[in-house]
Each structure stands twice: as C-alpha cells, then as structure tokens.
C-alpha cells in the first residue's frame, strides 16, 4: 500500500482519485438533471438579493476551505517542496516561487535522491550536513577530486571527508579501497564517510571495518534524509551535543 518513503502506492492513488471523480460526477449529474434553471433564476437570485453580506461571507469561507483542503491533499499525497536546480556554476536547492526554504526542515525521499543527477546527489548530501549544523560545508566533487565529494567540519573541529555513490548496484570493495587511500593520507580526514544510495557489498563492508572507515548504506541514508542527525544515525559522539 505504501512505498519505502511512506507515500501512497501510485496505483492505489490512481484508483482512489478515479472513485472520487466518479462519485463527484454522479452528484453533479443528478444535480444538473433537476430543475436547475428555476433554482438559479429564482431561489439563488433571491438569496443573493436578500442576504448580500452573508452570501459574501459564505463564499469567502468556502473558497478558503477549498484552498486548505487542496493544500492538505497535496501534503498527504506527497507533493514535493524542494526542487533541485542543476547548474554547473552554482548547485543549490530552492523552494517554489513565493515559499521560503527552512534549512532546519530539509528532508528528502529516497525516490527523490535516486532521481537526481550525480552532482545533485552530492549537493543533497552537502545540504543535509548544513541542515545538521556542520560548518564550512562544501561540495567539491568533480574530475580529479581524489575521492572527496563533500567536506565539512563538526563543532569539535573534526574534518569530514565524504564520498557519495549514487550507483544502482551496491558499491564494491575496490571503490572503498580507493577511498581509504586518499581520505586520511591525502585529505587528512578525521571522519571519513562513504555514502551509497544502494548499499555496499560484504567485502566492501569487511574492508571498511578493518580500516576504520564509516559506511552509510541505504537504511542509514534513509534515516538521515528523513530528518535524523548524521551523528545520531552513525553513532558518532560529539562533545558539543
């Protein structure tokens, strides 16, 4: 019935909308087949003429109620708030026109992360770090990045070096080995983290455990993207928390 992110299944959503549309259509048809002309020309016009202020108040209340219902349905059926702007010069997340972005409320669904470009996925991870209060958060991924896609510092001054993998398959040991060869020796990472949208192979997990690398697979990424603090997800202690 619900997908991984808790949204209603698309097929079930379609069926519900179809039933609702048929019900409304039946009501409208029954109403139209009555003596509509007399209701409009006599009853309704008489009501408007006799009670103009009450009519205006009821009309305003009805419109306001419909707007609230529309917003509620949009929220319940998973309408997105954040839109990724893919721009080579400046990658950022923006709200629709007229809506302010609250970084403290930033969340993503897994299907949103999967639909992003590789650059967008890196930027999403950087934005989530900023949401959690990390300092000097910066996306640096690109050609010749030597295994670093995002950098940040926590409030203890520790340097986070993050590599983001949006692969369709689990990340293998070879990629983890390359990350191990640059994260600490080249970049000086205090907290080396590798994030994989679809997890890691068992050899990759074993290698990371042996070399004290932090891996964030799909379950951990989901909790982080849905609003939990990174260090709470990974079980990392901070003296300032």
C-alpha atoms as a PDB file:
ATOM      1  CA  UNK A   1       0.000   0.000   0.000  1.00  0.00           C
ATOM      2  CA  UNK A   2       2.818   2.422   0.870  1.00  0.00           C
ATOM      3  CA  UNK A   3       6.265   2.748  -0.708  1.00  0.00           C
ATOM      4  CA  UNK A   4       9.632   2.930   1.065  1.00  0.00           C
ATOM      5  CA  UNK A   5       9.156   6.588   1.985  1.00  0.00           C
ATOM      6  CA  UNK A   6       5.635   6.108   3.344  1.00  0.00           C
ATOM      7  CA  UNK A   7       3.866   7.586   0.299  1.00  0.00           C
ATOM      8  CA  UNK A   8       0.701   6.017  -1.038  1.00  0.00           C
ATOM      9  CA  UNK A   9       1.262   3.482  -3.825  1.00  0.00           C
ATOM     10  CA  UNK A  10       0.765   5.226  -7.228  1.00  0.00           C
ATOM     11  CA  UNK A  11      -1.730   2.608  -8.483  1.00  0.00           C
ATOM     12  CA  UNK A  12      -3.809   2.830  -5.306  1.00  0.00           C
ATOM     13  CA  UNK A  13      -3.645   6.626  -5.504  1.00  0.00           C
ATOM     14  CA  UNK A  14      -4.956   6.464  -9.093  1.00  0.00           C
ATOM     15  CA  UNK A  15      -7.826   4.174  -8.075  1.00  0.00           C
ATOM     16  CA  UNK A  16      -8.800   6.471  -5.188  1.00  0.00           C
ATOM     17  CA  UNK A  17      -8.805   9.504  -7.475  1.00  0.00           C
ATOM     18  CA  UNK A  18     -10.913   7.577 -10.017  1.00  0.00           C
ATOM     19  CA  UNK A  19     -13.520   6.585  -7.418  1.00  0.00           C
ATOM     20  CA  UNK A  20     -13.624  10.168  -6.114  1.00  0.00           C
ATOM     21  CA  UNK A  21     -14.059  11.568  -9.632  1.00  0.00           C
ATOM     22  CA  UNK A  22     -16.877   9.125 -10.406  1.00  0.00           C
ATOM     23  CA  UNK A  23     -18.669   9.987  -7.168  1.00  0.00           C
ATOM     24  CA  UNK A  24     -18.420  13.716  -7.827  1.00  0.00           C
ATOM     25  CA  UNK A  25     -19.524  13.206 -11.437  1.00  0.00           C
ATOM     26  CA  UNK A  26     -22.603  11.270 -10.303  1.00  0.00           C
ATOM     27  CA  UNK A  27     -23.546  14.013  -7.824  1.00  0.00           C
ATOM     28  CA  UNK A  28     -23.124  16.724 -10.455  1.00  0.00           C
ATOM     29  CA  UNK A  29     -25.183  14.776 -12.998  1.00  0.00           C
ATOM     30  CA  UNK A  30     -28.033  14.249 -10.532  1.00  0.00           C
ATOM     31  CA  UNK A  31     -27.965  17.930  -9.628  1.00  0.00           C
ATOM     32  CA  UNK A  32     -27.968  19.026 -13.282  1.00  0.00           C
ATOM     33  CA  UNK A  33     -30.929  16.813 -14.126  1.00  0.00           C
ATOM     34  CA  UNK A  34     -33.094  18.603 -11.538  1.00  0.00           C
ATOM     35  CA  UNK A  35     -34.848  21.896 -12.149  1.00  0.00           C
ATOM     36  CA  UNK A  36     -31.583  23.841 -12.213  1.00  0.00           C
ATOM     37  CA  UNK A  37     -32.906  26.818 -14.147  1.00  0.00           C
ATOM     38  CA  UNK A  38     -35.558  27.622 -11.550  1.00  0.00           C
ATOM     39  CA  UNK A  39     -33.059  27.190  -8.728  1.00  0.00           C
ATOM     40  CA  UNK A  40     -30.666  29.679 -10.358  1.00  0.00           C
ATOM     41  CA  UNK A  41     -33.172  32.287 -11.528  1.00  0.00           C
ATOM     42  CA  UNK A  42     -35.499  32.273  -8.526  1.00  0.00           C
ATOM     43  CA  UNK A  43     -34.108  30.647  -5.398  1.00  0.00           C
ATOM     44  CA  UNK A  44     -30.416  31.554  -5.729  1.00  0.00           C
ATOM     45  CA  UNK A  45     -31.001  35.075  -7.035  1.00  0.00           C
ATOM     46  CA  UNK A  46     -33.472  35.736  -4.264  1.00  0.00           C
ATOM     47  CA  UNK A  47     -30.989  34.550  -1.652  1.00  0.00           C
ATOM     48  CA  UNK A  48     -28.246  36.782  -3.047  1.00  0.00           C
ATOM     49  CA  UNK A  49     -30.537  39.821  -3.171  1.00  0.00           C
ATOM     50  CA  UNK A  50     -31.879  39.375   0.356  1.00  0.00           C
ATOM     51  CA  UNK A  51     -28.595  38.488   2.098  1.00  0.00           C
ATOM     52  CA  UNK A  52     -25.605  40.021   0.210  1.00  0.00           C
ATOM     53  CA  UNK A  53     -23.247  40.195   3.207  1.00  0.00           C
ATOM     54  CA  UNK A  54     -23.939  36.662   4.382  1.00  0.00           C
ATOM     55  CA  UNK A  55     -23.504  35.463   0.802  1.00  0.00           C
ATOM     56  CA  UNK A  56     -20.091  37.157   0.528  1.00  0.00           C
ATOM     57  CA  UNK A  57     -19.001  35.717   3.879  1.00  0.00           C
ATOM     58  CA  UNK A  58     -20.088  32.192   2.985  1.00  0.00           C
ATOM     59  CA  UNK A  59     -18.404  32.442  -0.427  1.00  0.00           C
ATOM     60  CA  UNK A  60     -15.136  33.589   1.141  1.00  0.00           C
ATOM     61  CA  UNK A  61     -15.284  30.807   3.728  1.00  0.00           C
ATOM     62  CA  UNK A  62     -15.953  28.202   1.053  1.00  0.00           C
ATOM     63  CA  UNK A  63     -13.006  29.331  -1.066  1.00  0.00           C
ATOM     64  CA  UNK A  64     -10.688  29.379   1.967  1.00  0.00           C
ATOM     65  CA  UNK A  65     -11.837  25.881   2.934  1.00  0.00           C
ATOM     66  CA  UNK A  66     -11.205  24.548  -0.574  1.00  0.00           C
ATOM     67  CA  UNK A  67      -7.705  26.043  -0.567  1.00  0.00           C
ATOM     68  CA  UNK A  68      -6.933  24.413   2.785  1.00  0.00           C
ATOM     69  CA  UNK A  69      -8.266  21.068   1.567  1.00  0.00           C
ATOM     70  CA  UNK A  70      -6.123  21.317  -1.578  1.00  0.00           C
ATOM     71  CA  UNK A  71      -3.002  22.012   0.485  1.00  0.00           C
ATOM     72  CA  UNK A  72      -3.828  19.122   2.835  1.00  0.00           C
ATOM     73  CA  UNK A  73      -4.300  16.715  -0.063  1.00  0.00           C
ATOM     74  CA  UNK A  74      -1.046  17.922  -1.602  1.00  0.00           C
ATOM     75  CA  UNK A  75       0.766  17.211   1.684  1.00  0.00           C
ATOM     76  CA  UNK A  76      -0.877  13.811   2.240  1.00  0.00           C
ATOM     77  CA  UNK A  77      -0.178  12.577  -1.269  1.00  0.00           C
ATOM     78  CA  UNK A  78       3.493  13.514  -1.169  1.00  0.00           C
ATOM     79  CA  UNK A  79       3.834  16.690  -3.160  1.00  0.00           C
ATOM     80  CA  UNK A  80       7.458  17.758  -3.010  1.00  0.00           C
ATOM     81  CA  UNK A  81       8.641  21.051  -1.561  1.00  0.00           C
ATOM     82  CA  UNK A  82      12.258  21.127  -2.639  1.00  0.00           C
ATOM     83  CA  UNK A  83      13.346  21.310  -6.261  1.00  0.00           C
ATOM     84  CA  UNK A  84      16.918  20.676  -7.370  1.00  0.00           C
ATOM     85  CA  UNK A  85      18.393  23.316  -9.632  1.00  0.00           C
ATOM     86  CA  UNK A  86      21.108  21.668 -11.714  1.00  0.00           C
ATOM     87  CA  UNK A  87      23.526  24.417 -12.690  1.00  0.00           C
ATOM     88  CA  UNK A  88      27.236  23.962 -13.438  1.00  0.00           C
ATOM     89  CA  UNK A  89      28.104  27.284 -11.823  1.00  0.00           C
ATOM     90  CA  UNK A  90      26.017  27.036  -8.673  1.00  0.00           C
ATOM     91  CA  UNK A  91      24.103  23.992  -7.482  1.00  0.00           C
ATOM     92  CA  UNK A  92      21.504  24.606  -4.803  1.00  0.00           C
ATOM     93  CA  UNK A  93      18.063  23.589  -3.630  1.00  0.00           C
ATOM     94  CA  UNK A  94      15.247  26.071  -3.941  1.00  0.00           C
ATOM     95  CA  UNK A  95      11.628  26.171  -2.920  1.00  0.00           C
ATOM     96  CA  UNK A  96       8.849  27.014  -5.381  1.00  0.00           C
ATOM     97  CA  UNK A  97       8.320  30.752  -6.005  1.00  0.00           C
ATOM     98  CA  UNK A  98       6.902  32.561  -3.002  1.00  0.00           C
ATOM     99  CA  UNK A  99       7.938  29.891  -0.481  1.00  0.00           C
ATOM    100  CA  UNK A 100      10.882  30.271   1.889  1.00  0.00           C
ATOM    101  CA  UNK A 101      13.353  27.431   2.430  1.00  0.00           C
ATOM    102  CA  UNK A 102      13.866  26.422   6.044  1.00  0.00           C
ATOM    103  CA  UNK A 103      17.202  24.542   6.208  1.00  0.00           C
ATOM    104  CA  UNK A 104      16.245  23.041   9.572  1.00  0.00           C
ATOM    105  CA  UNK A 105      13.295  21.282   7.907  1.00  0.00           C
ATOM    106  CA  UNK A 106      15.179  19.922   4.879  1.00  0.00           C
ATOM    107  CA  UNK A 107      14.289  16.296   4.100  1.00  0.00           C
ATOM    108  CA  UNK A 108      14.381  14.087   1.026  1.00  0.00           C
ATOM    109  CA  UNK A 109      12.558  10.972  -0.017  1.00  0.00           C
ATOM    110  CA  UNK A 110      14.662   8.095  -1.297  1.00  0.00           C
ATOM    111  CA  UNK A 111      12.989   8.285  -4.695  1.00  0.00           C
ATOM    112  CA  UNK A 112      13.978  11.959  -4.891  1.00  0.00           C
ATOM    113  CA  UNK A 113      17.622  11.095  -4.186  1.00  0.00           C
ATOM    114  CA  UNK A 114      17.522   8.319  -6.780  1.00  0.00           C
ATOM    115  CA  UNK A 115      16.118  10.671  -9.435  1.00  0.00           C
ATOM    116  CA  UNK A 116      18.860  13.292  -9.023  1.00  0.00           C
ATOM    117  CA  UNK A 117      21.962  13.644 -11.131  1.00  0.00           C
ATOM    118  CA  UNK A 118      25.252  12.566  -9.547  1.00  0.00           C
ATOM    119  CA  UNK A 119      26.037  16.220  -8.897  1.00  0.00           C
ATOM    120  CA  UNK A 120      22.613  16.730  -7.405  1.00  0.00           C
ATOM    121  CA  UNK A 121      23.062  13.766  -5.075  1.00  0.00           C
ATOM    122  CA  UNK A 122      26.354  15.207  -3.833  1.00  0.00           C
ATOM    123  CA  UNK A 123      24.733  18.598  -3.276  1.00  0.00           C
ATOM    124  CA  UNK A 124      21.853  16.978  -1.409  1.00  0.00           C
ATOM    125  CA  UNK A 125      24.345  15.373   0.988  1.00  0.00           C
ATOM    126  CA  UNK A 126      26.051  18.742   1.464  1.00  0.00           C
ATOM    127  CA  UNK A 127      22.708  20.401   2.186  1.00  0.00           C
ATOM    128  CA  UNK A 128      21.823  17.728   4.749  1.00  0.00           C
ATOM    129  CA  UNK A 129      25.143  18.338   6.511  1.00  0.00           C
ATOM    130  CA  UNK A 130      24.360  22.056   6.619  1.00  0.00           C
ATOM    131  CA  UNK A 131      20.908  21.244   7.997  1.00  0.00           C
ATOM    132  CA  UNK A 132      22.555  19.302  10.838  1.00  0.00           C
ATOM    133  CA  UNK A 133      24.694  22.290  11.758  1.00  0.00           C
ATOM    134  CA  UNK A 134      28.045  21.253  10.314  1.00  0.00           C
ATOM    135  CA  UNK A 135      30.399  24.092   9.444  1.00  0.00           C
ATOM    136  CA  UNK A 136      32.100  25.097   6.171  1.00  0.00           C
ATOM    137  CA  UNK A 137      30.016  22.569   4.243  1.00  0.00           C
ATOM    138  CA  UNK A 138      31.111  22.456   0.618  1.00  0.00           C
ATOM    139  CA  UNK A 139      30.545  20.251  -2.413  1.00  0.00           C
ATOM    140  CA  UNK A 140      33.881  19.747  -4.185  1.00  0.00           C
ATOM    141  CA  UNK A 141      33.205  16.641  -6.263  1.00  0.00           C
ATOM    142  CA  UNK A 142      34.243  16.548  -9.893  1.00  0.00           C
ATOM    143  CA  UNK A 143      37.026  15.400 -12.155  1.00  0.00           C
ATOM    144  CA  UNK A 144      40.242  14.900 -10.190  1.00  0.00           C
ATOM    145  CA  UNK A 145      38.569  15.218  -6.785  1.00  0.00           C
ATOM    146  CA  UNK A 146      40.712  12.358  -5.421  1.00  0.00           C
ATOM    147  CA  UNK A 147      37.864  10.701  -3.603  1.00  0.00           C
ATOM    148  CA  UNK A 148      36.227  13.722  -1.947  1.00  0.00           C
ATOM    149  CA  UNK A 149      32.773  14.941  -2.937  1.00  0.00           C
ATOM    150  CA  UNK A 150      31.796  16.934   0.151  1.00  0.00           C
ATOM    151  CA  UNK A 151      33.793  18.432   3.006  1.00  0.00           C
ATOM    152  CA  UNK A 152      32.613  19.850   6.326  1.00  0.00           C
ATOM    153  CA  UNK A 153      33.711  20.336   9.920  1.00  0.00           C
ATOM    154  CA  UNK A 154      31.792  19.500  13.061  1.00  0.00           C
ATOM    155  CA  UNK A 155      31.688  21.707  16.164  1.00  0.00           C
ATOM    156  CA  UNK A 156      34.651  19.798  17.614  1.00  0.00           C
ATOM    157  CA  UNK A 157      36.776  20.896  14.655  1.00  0.00           C
ATOM    158  CA  UNK A 158      36.934  17.434  13.093  1.00  0.00           C
ATOM    159  CA  UNK A 159      37.175  17.303   9.307  1.00  0.00           C
ATOM    160  CA  UNK A 160      34.566  15.235   7.471  1.00  0.00           C
ATOM    161  CA  UNK A 161      35.570  13.880   4.072  1.00  0.00           C
ATOM    162  CA  UNK A 162      32.531  12.429   2.310  1.00  0.00           C
ATOM    163  CA  UNK A 163      32.324  10.433  -0.895  1.00  0.00           C
ATOM    164  CA  UNK A 164      28.865   9.954  -2.426  1.00  0.00           C
ATOM    165  CA  UNK A 165      27.935   6.993  -4.642  1.00  0.00           C
ATOM    166  CA  UNK A 166      24.563   7.032  -6.363  1.00  0.00           C
ATOM    167  CA  UNK A 167      25.106   3.672  -8.097  1.00  0.00           C
ATOM    168  CA  UNK A 168      22.185   1.376  -8.917  1.00  0.00           C
ATOM    169  CA  UNK A 169      24.146  -1.586  -7.507  1.00  0.00           C
ATOM    170  CA  UNK A 170      25.928  -1.974  -4.154  1.00  0.00           C
ATOM    171  CA  UNK A 171      29.371  -0.367  -4.057  1.00  0.00           C
ATOM    172  CA  UNK A 172      32.191  -2.889  -4.204  1.00  0.00           C
ATOM    173  CA  UNK A 173      35.421  -3.251  -2.250  1.00  0.00           C
ATOM    174  CA  UNK A 174      37.544  -1.599  -4.959  1.00  0.00           C
ATOM    175  CA  UNK A 175      35.853   1.779  -4.521  1.00  0.00           C
ATOM    176  CA  UNK A 176      36.181   1.585  -0.753  1.00  0.00           C
ATOM    177  CA  UNK A 177      39.882   0.753  -1.080  1.00  0.00           C
ATOM    178  CA  UNK A 178      40.455   3.805  -3.284  1.00  0.00           C
ATOM    179  CA  UNK A 179      38.637   5.986  -0.768  1.00  0.00           C
ATOM    180  CA  UNK A 180      40.796   4.575   2.009  1.00  0.00           C
ATOM    181  CA  UNK A 181      43.912   5.522   0.042  1.00  0.00           C
ATOM    182  CA  UNK A 182      43.013   9.227  -0.124  1.00  0.00           C
ATOM    183  CA  UNK A 183      40.589  10.123   2.685  1.00  0.00           C
ATOM    184  CA  UNK A 184      43.143  10.209   5.504  1.00  0.00           C
ATOM    185  CA  UNK A 185      46.573  10.194   3.776  1.00  0.00           C
ATOM    186  CA  UNK A 186      45.777  12.900   1.204  1.00  0.00           C
ATOM    187  CA  UNK A 187      42.848  14.896   2.644  1.00  0.00           C
ATOM    188  CA  UNK A 188      43.563  14.472   6.345  1.00  0.00           C
ATOM    189  CA  UNK A 189      40.075  13.239   7.221  1.00  0.00           C
ATOM    190  CA  UNK A 190      39.150  12.867  10.855  1.00  0.00           C
ATOM    191  CA  UNK A 191      35.780  11.369   9.919  1.00  0.00           C
ATOM    192  CA  UNK A 192      35.904   9.574   6.537  1.00  0.00           C
ATOM    193  CA  UNK A 193      32.391   8.715   5.363  1.00  0.00           C
ATOM    194  CA  UNK A 194      31.321   6.908   2.211  1.00  0.00           C
ATOM    195  CA  UNK A 195      27.627   7.136   1.280  1.00  0.00           C
ATOM    196  CA  UNK A 196      25.998   4.670  -1.110  1.00  0.00           C
ATOM    197  CA  UNK A 197      22.395   5.022  -2.246  1.00  0.00           C
ATOM    198  CA  UNK A 198      22.068   1.253  -2.675  1.00  0.00           C
ATOM    199  CA  UNK A 199      24.481  -0.008  -0.045  1.00  0.00           C
ATOM    200  CA  UNK A 200      27.742  -1.955  -0.149  1.00  0.00           C
ATOM    201  CA  UNK A 201      28.892  -5.484  -0.892  1.00  0.00           C
ATOM    202  CA  UNK A 202      30.004  -7.640   2.025  1.00  0.00           C
ATOM    203  CA  UNK A 203      33.710  -7.489   1.010  1.00  0.00           C
ATOM    204  CA  UNK A 204      33.431  -3.678   0.984  1.00  0.00           C
ATOM    205  CA  UNK A 205      31.865  -3.708   4.456  1.00  0.00           C
ATOM    206  CA  UNK A 206      34.582  -6.021   5.782  1.00  0.00           C
ATOM    207  CA  UNK A 207      37.358  -3.860   4.340  1.00  0.00           C
ATOM    208  CA  UNK A 208      35.853  -0.665   5.776  1.00  0.00           C
ATOM    209  CA  UNK A 209      35.547  -2.243   9.222  1.00  0.00           C
ATOM    210  CA  UNK A 210      39.204  -3.307   9.132  1.00  0.00           C
ATOM    211  CA  UNK A 211      40.395   0.198   8.157  1.00  0.00           C
ATOM    212  CA  UNK A 212      38.002   2.170  10.369  1.00  0.00           C
ATOM    213  CA  UNK A 213      36.070   3.757   7.507  1.00  0.00           C
ATOM    214  CA  UNK A 214      32.455   4.805   8.024  1.00  0.00           C
ATOM    215  CA  UNK A 215      29.958   3.435   5.522  1.00  0.00           C
ATOM    216  CA  UNK A 216      26.430   4.786   5.174  1.00  0.00           C
ATOM    217  CA  UNK A 217      24.195   2.358   3.303  1.00  0.00           C
ATOM    218  CA  UNK A 218      20.591   2.698   2.234  1.00  0.00           C
ATOM    219  CA  UNK A 219      18.916   2.228   5.673  1.00  0.00           C
ATOM    220  CA  UNK A 220      21.198   4.812   7.296  1.00  0.00           C
ATOM    221  CA  UNK A 221      20.840   7.218   4.374  1.00  0.00           C
ATOM    222  CA  UNK A 222      17.062   6.971   4.606  1.00  0.00           C
ATOM    223  CA  UNK A 223      17.058   7.896   8.310  1.00  0.00           C
ATOM    224  CA  UNK A 224      19.416  10.810   7.637  1.00  0.00           C
ATOM    225  CA  UNK A 225      17.431  12.057   4.639  1.00  0.00           C
ATOM    226  CA  UNK A 226      14.199  11.841   6.627  1.00  0.00           C
ATOM    227  CA  UNK A 227      15.487  14.205   9.291  1.00  0.00           C
ATOM    228  CA  UNK A 228      17.693  12.379  11.814  1.00  0.00           C
ATOM    229  CA  UNK A 229      21.064  13.968  12.655  1.00  0.00           C
ATOM    230  CA  UNK A 230      24.030  12.387  10.870  1.00  0.00           C
ATOM    231  CA  UNK A 231      25.930  11.602  14.060  1.00  0.00           C
ATOM    232  CA  UNK A 232      22.855  10.015  15.630  1.00  0.00           C
ATOM    233  CA  UNK A 233      22.457   7.782  12.576  1.00  0.00           C
ATOM    234  CA  UNK A 234      26.131   6.759  12.596  1.00  0.00           C
ATOM    235  CA  UNK A 235      26.511   6.521  16.371  1.00  0.00           C
ATOM    236  CA  UNK A 236      29.280   9.151  16.497  1.00  0.00           C
ATOM    237  CA  UNK A 237      29.663  11.088  19.714  1.00  0.00           C
ATOM    238  CA  UNK A 238      30.231  14.833  19.796  1.00  0.00           C
ATOM    239  CA  UNK A 239      31.324  16.765  22.868  1.00  0.00           C
ATOM    240  CA  UNK A 240      29.028  19.639  21.884  1.00  0.00           C
ATOM    241  CA  UNK A 241      25.858  17.535  21.604  1.00  0.00           C
END
